[in-house]
Structure formats: structure tokens, C-alpha cells
Amino acid sequence: MLAFFGILVPTATTAAADRLAHDRQGAWRHGETDGRMRRPISIAITLVLSVFALMFWQIRVDAKAEDTAAAALALACEGTVDDKNLDAKPKPISMGITVNFTARTVSGFTGANFPVAITRIDEVRILFRGLNFNPASFAAVYGSIDRVTGAVEATTDGLPTLNSLTRYSLKCDEV
């Protein structure tokens, strides 16, 4: 039996092959011109199949590259940030935010060195929330990204200091 693309194909027995080779009425006679023509034809078929396999492989690689590009969204943001506990005036800020759709995380907020998980995604908004809780400290980041307007509203609690409550109001564009 031969395996061809994972399918087992029965092969002829040697007795059947001998009968075919000695059969003077058969279309393929052993050692004649017709037998020699089979080799270039099989090479041509192999070459054509190899070209098709290479084309399909390239299409798959291109599709995977598009999926990888779509798996992450880099945003360049400008807006204001203010600490509600210090009664400070809003300060201008320019920052980058990365949305990783594969890992379902958002990153880029100052001091948030913990995962900020995406909790909901739809056509209009991305909602996110992350908590870092241990006996020594507490920190949280939560907010939303408007996918239509690019508006980002986020709050960090406990960053950069334990008593901080920082509010981000940003307008972001895709990089």
C-alpha cells in the first residue's frame, strides 16, 4: 500500500505488474517510448503540485501576519490627567496605550506593572479592569476605550501612591 496525502492506496502485486509488462496489448509497455515519457510527465506534475503548495503556504503566512497585526492595537494618546485626592488642576499628558486582543490586556498606564484585563469588547467599546492586591499595597486600573471616537476614560486607584486617585481623559489615534 502507498500513502498519498494521508490516504492509503492499494498497489498492484508483482504478478499483476509482470502481466501488464508482458501484455503486448497494454498501453504502457515496459521499455518502450511510452514508458520513458512517464518520467518527464511525473516531474512536471510534481513541479506543478510543488508550486501550488508554495502558493498556499504563502497565503497562509500572509493570513497569519494579518492576524498578528490585528491582534494588537497601538494607540498614541493626548489629553489630561489629574489626581482627585490632591485637588490639582488637570495636567496635559501624552502617552501610548497598547491593546493586546490575543492576551486580552491593556497596557501603558503609569505605574500599572500588572495585567489590566479586557473585560468586554464590542464594536463600539473596550472595557478594561485590573487589580493588584497584596498586603503591602493596593492598586487598580479601570476604564474604557471608545473604538469609534478614540476617547479613553480611565481611573487608576493607588498609583503612583496608595492614596492617589488619578483620572485620565484622553483622545487616542491608532499608530
C-alpha atoms as a PDB file:
ATOM      1  CA  MET A   1       0.000   0.000   0.000  1.00  0.00           C
ATOM      2  CA  LEU A   2       1.126   3.540  -0.711  1.00  0.00           C
ATOM      3  CA  ALA A   3       0.241   6.609   1.338  1.00  0.00           C
ATOM      4  CA  PHE A   4      -0.800   9.550  -0.826  1.00  0.00           C
ATOM      5  CA  PHE A   5      -1.854  12.707   1.090  1.00  0.00           C
ATOM      6  CA  GLY A   6      -2.677  10.547   4.078  1.00  0.00           C
ATOM      7  CA  ILE A   7      -4.874   8.141   2.074  1.00  0.00           C
ATOM      8  CA  LEU A   8      -3.800   4.535   1.700  1.00  0.00           C
ATOM      9  CA  VAL A   9      -3.849   3.444  -1.938  1.00  0.00           C
ATOM     10  CA  PRO A  10      -3.586  -0.273  -2.792  1.00  0.00           C
ATOM     11  CA  THR A  11      -0.679  -1.158  -5.084  1.00  0.00           C
ATOM     12  CA  ALA A  12      -0.624  -3.848  -7.694  1.00  0.00           C
ATOM     13  CA  THR A  13       1.069  -7.124  -6.891  1.00  0.00           C
ATOM     14  CA  THR A  14       4.259  -8.077  -8.673  1.00  0.00           C
ATOM     15  CA  ALA A  15       2.372 -10.749 -10.603  1.00  0.00           C
ATOM     16  CA  ALA A  16      -0.082  -8.141 -11.901  1.00  0.00           C
ATOM     17  CA  ALA A  17       2.813  -5.827 -12.800  1.00  0.00           C
ATOM     18  CA  ASP A  18       4.525  -8.670 -14.698  1.00  0.00           C
ATOM     19  CA  ARG A  19       1.310  -9.415 -16.603  1.00  0.00           C
ATOM     20  CA  LEU A  20       0.995  -5.744 -17.574  1.00  0.00           C
ATOM     21  CA  ALA A  21       4.644  -5.551 -18.634  1.00  0.00           C
ATOM     22  CA  HIS A  22       4.332  -8.650 -20.834  1.00  0.00           C
ATOM     23  CA  ASP A  23       0.940  -7.724 -22.216  1.00  0.00           C
ATOM     24  CA  ARG A  24       1.556  -6.580 -25.773  1.00  0.00           C
ATOM     25  CA  GLN A  25      -1.955  -5.135 -25.957  1.00  0.00           C
ATOM     26  CA  GLY A  26      -1.424  -2.797 -22.951  1.00  0.00           C
ATOM     27  CA  ALA A  27      -0.932   0.922 -23.432  1.00  0.00           C
ATOM     28  CA  TRP A  28       2.226   1.069 -21.311  1.00  0.00           C
ATOM     29  CA  ARG A  29       4.783  -1.468 -22.443  1.00  0.00           C
ATOM     30  CA  HIS A  30       7.947  -1.915 -20.454  1.00  0.00           C
ATOM     31  CA  GLY A  31      10.991  -0.322 -22.068  1.00  0.00           C
ATOM     32  CA  GLU A  32       9.232   1.375 -24.932  1.00  0.00           C
ATOM     33  CA  THR A  33       8.958   5.097 -25.678  1.00  0.00           C
ATOM     34  CA  ASP A  34       5.687   5.388 -23.790  1.00  0.00           C
ATOM     35  CA  GLY A  35       7.405   4.177 -20.622  1.00  0.00           C
ATOM     36  CA  ARG A  36      10.121   6.779 -20.980  1.00  0.00           C
ATOM     37  CA  MET A  37       7.553   9.568 -21.351  1.00  0.00           C
ATOM     38  CA  ARG A  38       6.120   8.848 -17.941  1.00  0.00           C
ATOM     39  CA  ARG A  39       9.175  10.252 -16.130  1.00  0.00           C
ATOM     40  CA  PRO A  40       9.043  13.818 -17.594  1.00  0.00           C
ATOM     41  CA  ILE A  41       5.274  13.886 -17.066  1.00  0.00           C
ATOM     42  CA  SER A  42       5.649  12.858 -13.418  1.00  0.00           C
ATOM     43  CA  ILE A  43       8.343  15.511 -12.955  1.00  0.00           C
ATOM     44  CA  ALA A  44       6.019  18.137 -14.456  1.00  0.00           C
ATOM     45  CA  ILE A  45       3.154  17.030 -12.206  1.00  0.00           C
ATOM     46  CA  THR A  46       5.446  17.144  -9.154  1.00  0.00           C
ATOM     47  CA  LEU A  47       6.627  20.615 -10.154  1.00  0.00           C
ATOM     48  CA  VAL A  48       3.060  21.913 -10.567  1.00  0.00           C
ATOM     49  CA  LEU A  49       1.998  20.435  -7.224  1.00  0.00           C
ATOM     50  CA  SER A  50       5.058  21.997  -5.553  1.00  0.00           C
ATOM     51  CA  VAL A  51       4.200  25.416  -6.985  1.00  0.00           C
ATOM     52  CA  PHE A  52       0.612  25.121  -5.706  1.00  0.00           C
ATOM     53  CA  ALA A  53       1.865  24.031  -2.272  1.00  0.00           C
ATOM     54  CA  LEU A  54       4.204  27.030  -2.155  1.00  0.00           C
ATOM     55  CA  MET A  55       1.368  29.387  -3.135  1.00  0.00           C
ATOM     56  CA  PHE A  56      -0.932  28.012  -0.430  1.00  0.00           C
ATOM     57  CA  TRP A  57       1.874  28.227   2.143  1.00  0.00           C
ATOM     58  CA  GLN A  58       2.477  31.900   1.242  1.00  0.00           C
ATOM     59  CA  ILE A  59      -1.248  32.664   1.534  1.00  0.00           C
ATOM     60  CA  ARG A  60      -1.250  31.036   4.990  1.00  0.00           C
ATOM     61  CA  VAL A  61       1.811  33.041   6.102  1.00  0.00           C
ATOM     62  CA  ASP A  62       0.217  36.285   4.858  1.00  0.00           C
ATOM     63  CA  ALA A  63      -3.036  35.496   6.679  1.00  0.00           C
ATOM     64  CA  LYS A  64      -1.125  34.756   9.894  1.00  0.00           C
ATOM     65  CA  ALA A  65       0.727  38.096   9.589  1.00  0.00           C
ATOM     66  CA  GLU A  66      -2.610  39.915   9.189  1.00  0.00           C
ATOM     67  CA  ASP A  67      -3.982  38.088  12.242  1.00  0.00           C
ATOM     68  CA  THR A  68      -0.926  39.095  14.270  1.00  0.00           C
ATOM     69  CA  ALA A  69      -1.286  42.724  13.195  1.00  0.00           C
ATOM     70  CA  ALA A  70      -4.972  42.648  14.114  1.00  0.00           C
ATOM     71  CA  ALA A  71      -4.152  41.012  17.471  1.00  0.00           C
ATOM     72  CA  ALA A  72      -2.613  44.225  18.846  1.00  0.00           C
ATOM     73  CA  LEU A  73      -3.680  47.849  18.635  1.00  0.00           C
ATOM     74  CA  ALA A  74      -1.194  50.623  19.405  1.00  0.00           C
ATOM     75  CA  LEU A  75      -2.677  53.997  20.338  1.00  0.00           C
ATOM     76  CA  ALA A  76      -0.991  57.399  20.607  1.00  0.00           C
ATOM     77  CA  CYS A  77      -2.953  59.438  23.136  1.00  0.00           C
ATOM     78  CA  GLU A  78      -3.104  63.057  24.254  1.00  0.00           C
ATOM     79  CA  GLY A  79      -5.296  64.571  26.910  1.00  0.00           C
ATOM     80  CA  THR A  80      -5.317  65.388  30.584  1.00  0.00           C
ATOM     81  CA  VAL A  81      -4.569  63.614  33.831  1.00  0.00           C
ATOM     82  CA  ASP A  82      -5.460  64.795  37.311  1.00  0.00           C
ATOM     83  CA  ASP A  83      -5.167  63.452  40.831  1.00  0.00           C
ATOM     84  CA  LYS A  84      -8.542  63.821  42.536  1.00  0.00           C
ATOM     85  CA  ASN A  85      -7.109  63.490  46.071  1.00  0.00           C
ATOM     86  CA  LEU A  86      -4.638  66.354  45.626  1.00  0.00           C
ATOM     87  CA  ASP A  87      -7.228  68.737  44.162  1.00  0.00           C
ATOM     88  CA  ALA A  88      -4.705  69.517  41.460  1.00  0.00           C
ATOM     89  CA  LYS A  89      -5.599  71.082  38.139  1.00  0.00           C
ATOM     90  CA  PRO A  90      -5.634  68.700  35.171  1.00  0.00           C
ATOM     91  CA  LYS A  91      -2.210  68.393  33.559  1.00  0.00           C
ATOM     92  CA  PRO A  92      -1.642  67.737  29.865  1.00  0.00           C
ATOM     93  CA  ILE A  93      -0.303  64.277  29.096  1.00  0.00           C
ATOM     94  CA  SER A  94       0.893  62.423  26.020  1.00  0.00           C
ATOM     95  CA  MET A  95       1.168  58.650  26.299  1.00  0.00           C
ATOM     96  CA  GLY A  96       0.885  55.380  24.446  1.00  0.00           C
ATOM     97  CA  ILE A  97      -1.596  52.608  25.120  1.00  0.00           C
ATOM     98  CA  THR A  98      -1.363  49.083  23.742  1.00  0.00           C
ATOM     99  CA  VAL A  99      -4.416  46.848  23.428  1.00  0.00           C
ATOM    100  CA  ASN A 100      -3.482  43.182  23.053  1.00  0.00           C
ATOM    101  CA  PHE A 101      -6.550  41.339  21.782  1.00  0.00           C
ATOM    102  CA  THR A 102      -4.871  37.923  21.967  1.00  0.00           C
ATOM    103  CA  ALA A 103      -3.862  38.253  25.632  1.00  0.00           C
ATOM    104  CA  ARG A 104      -6.951  40.424  26.295  1.00  0.00           C
ATOM    105  CA  THR A 105      -4.912  43.085  28.108  1.00  0.00           C
ATOM    106  CA  VAL A 106      -4.410  46.863  28.041  1.00  0.00           C
ATOM    107  CA  SER A 107      -1.070  48.423  28.981  1.00  0.00           C
ATOM    108  CA  GLY A 108       0.514  51.857  29.136  1.00  0.00           C
ATOM    109  CA  PHE A 109      -0.829  53.430  32.318  1.00  0.00           C
ATOM    110  CA  THR A 110       1.835  54.893  34.623  1.00  0.00           C
ATOM    111  CA  GLY A 111       2.782  52.516  37.415  1.00  0.00           C
ATOM    112  CA  ALA A 112       0.457  49.720  36.310  1.00  0.00           C
ATOM    113  CA  ASN A 113       3.022  46.931  36.110  1.00  0.00           C
ATOM    114  CA  PHE A 114       0.326  44.295  36.480  1.00  0.00           C
ATOM    115  CA  PRO A 115      -2.137  42.849  33.962  1.00  0.00           C
ATOM    116  CA  VAL A 116      -5.045  45.112  33.126  1.00  0.00           C
ATOM    117  CA  ALA A 117      -7.582  42.694  31.704  1.00  0.00           C
ATOM    118  CA  ILE A 118     -10.090  43.449  28.974  1.00  0.00           C
ATOM    119  CA  THR A 119     -13.470  42.584  30.460  1.00  0.00           C
ATOM    120  CA  ARG A 120     -15.660  43.310  27.420  1.00  0.00           C
ATOM    121  CA  ILE A 121     -15.171  44.048  23.735  1.00  0.00           C
ATOM    122  CA  ASP A 122     -17.801  45.031  21.206  1.00  0.00           C
ATOM    123  CA  GLU A 123     -17.902  47.105  18.021  1.00  0.00           C
ATOM    124  CA  VAL A 124     -18.054  50.374  19.969  1.00  0.00           C
ATOM    125  CA  ARG A 125     -16.162  49.972  23.260  1.00  0.00           C
ATOM    126  CA  ILE A 126     -13.404  48.108  25.007  1.00  0.00           C
ATOM    127  CA  LEU A 127     -13.836  47.861  28.778  1.00  0.00           C
ATOM    128  CA  PHE A 128     -10.872  47.003  30.999  1.00  0.00           C
ATOM    129  CA  ARG A 129     -10.069  46.489  34.673  1.00  0.00           C
ATOM    130  CA  GLY A 130      -7.009  45.309  36.572  1.00  0.00           C
ATOM    131  CA  LEU A 131      -6.291  44.849  40.260  1.00  0.00           C
ATOM    132  CA  ASN A 132      -3.038  44.389  42.135  1.00  0.00           C
ATOM    133  CA  PHE A 133      -3.710  43.474  45.724  1.00  0.00           C
ATOM    134  CA  ASN A 134      -1.196  42.265  48.276  1.00  0.00           C
ATOM    135  CA  PRO A 135      -0.680  43.020  51.991  1.00  0.00           C
ATOM    136  CA  ALA A 136       1.708  45.893  51.231  1.00  0.00           C
ATOM    137  CA  SER A 137      -0.284  47.722  48.570  1.00  0.00           C
ATOM    138  CA  PHE A 138      -3.435  48.020  46.543  1.00  0.00           C
ATOM    139  CA  ALA A 139      -3.725  49.335  43.002  1.00  0.00           C
ATOM    140  CA  ALA A 140      -6.465  49.289  40.382  1.00  0.00           C
ATOM    141  CA  VAL A 141      -6.909  50.470  36.810  1.00  0.00           C
ATOM    142  CA  TYR A 142     -10.314  50.569  35.151  1.00  0.00           C
ATOM    143  CA  GLY A 143     -11.848  52.351  32.225  1.00  0.00           C
ATOM    144  CA  SER A 144     -12.983  52.207  28.620  1.00  0.00           C
ATOM    145  CA  ILE A 145     -11.835  52.920  25.089  1.00  0.00           C
ATOM    146  CA  ASP A 146     -14.358  54.184  22.556  1.00  0.00           C
ATOM    147  CA  ARG A 147     -13.422  52.437  19.300  1.00  0.00           C
ATOM    148  CA  VAL A 148     -15.338  54.945  17.172  1.00  0.00           C
ATOM    149  CA  THR A 149     -14.146  58.287  18.590  1.00  0.00           C
ATOM    150  CA  GLY A 150     -10.846  57.183  20.173  1.00  0.00           C
ATOM    151  CA  ALA A 151     -11.848  58.601  23.564  1.00  0.00           C
ATOM    152  CA  VAL A 152     -10.252  56.899  26.570  1.00  0.00           C
ATOM    153  CA  GLU A 153     -11.582  57.409  30.068  1.00  0.00           C
ATOM    154  CA  ALA A 154      -9.614  55.631  32.779  1.00  0.00           C
ATOM    155  CA  THR A 155      -9.061  55.796  36.511  1.00  0.00           C
ATOM    156  CA  THR A 156      -6.116  54.493  38.490  1.00  0.00           C
ATOM    157  CA  ASP A 157      -6.519  53.977  42.208  1.00  0.00           C
ATOM    158  CA  GLY A 158      -3.428  53.575  44.365  1.00  0.00           C
ATOM    159  CA  LEU A 159      -0.983  54.571  41.599  1.00  0.00           C
ATOM    160  CA  PRO A 160       1.625  56.016  41.963  1.00  0.00           C
ATOM    161  CA  THR A 161       0.942  56.295  45.719  1.00  0.00           C
ATOM    162  CA  LEU A 162      -1.512  54.400  47.880  1.00  0.00           C
ATOM    163  CA  ASN A 163      -3.752  57.468  48.363  1.00  0.00           C
ATOM    164  CA  SER A 164      -3.844  58.504  44.700  1.00  0.00           C
ATOM    165  CA  LEU A 165      -6.967  58.529  42.577  1.00  0.00           C
ATOM    166  CA  THR A 166      -5.887  59.555  39.098  1.00  0.00           C
ATOM    167  CA  ARG A 167      -8.292  60.242  36.248  1.00  0.00           C
ATOM    168  CA  TYR A 168      -7.216  60.070  32.601  1.00  0.00           C
ATOM    169  CA  SER A 169      -9.237  61.786  29.880  1.00  0.00           C
ATOM    170  CA  LEU A 170      -7.586  61.071  26.533  1.00  0.00           C
ATOM    171  CA  LYS A 171      -8.141  61.270  22.801  1.00  0.00           C
ATOM    172  CA  CYS A 172      -6.266  58.491  21.015  1.00  0.00           C
ATOM    173  CA  ASP A 173      -5.371  57.704  17.430  1.00  0.00           C
ATOM    174  CA  GLU A 174      -4.187  54.403  16.044  1.00  0.00           C
ATOM    175  CA  VAL A 175      -0.460  54.328  15.369  1.00  0.00           C
END
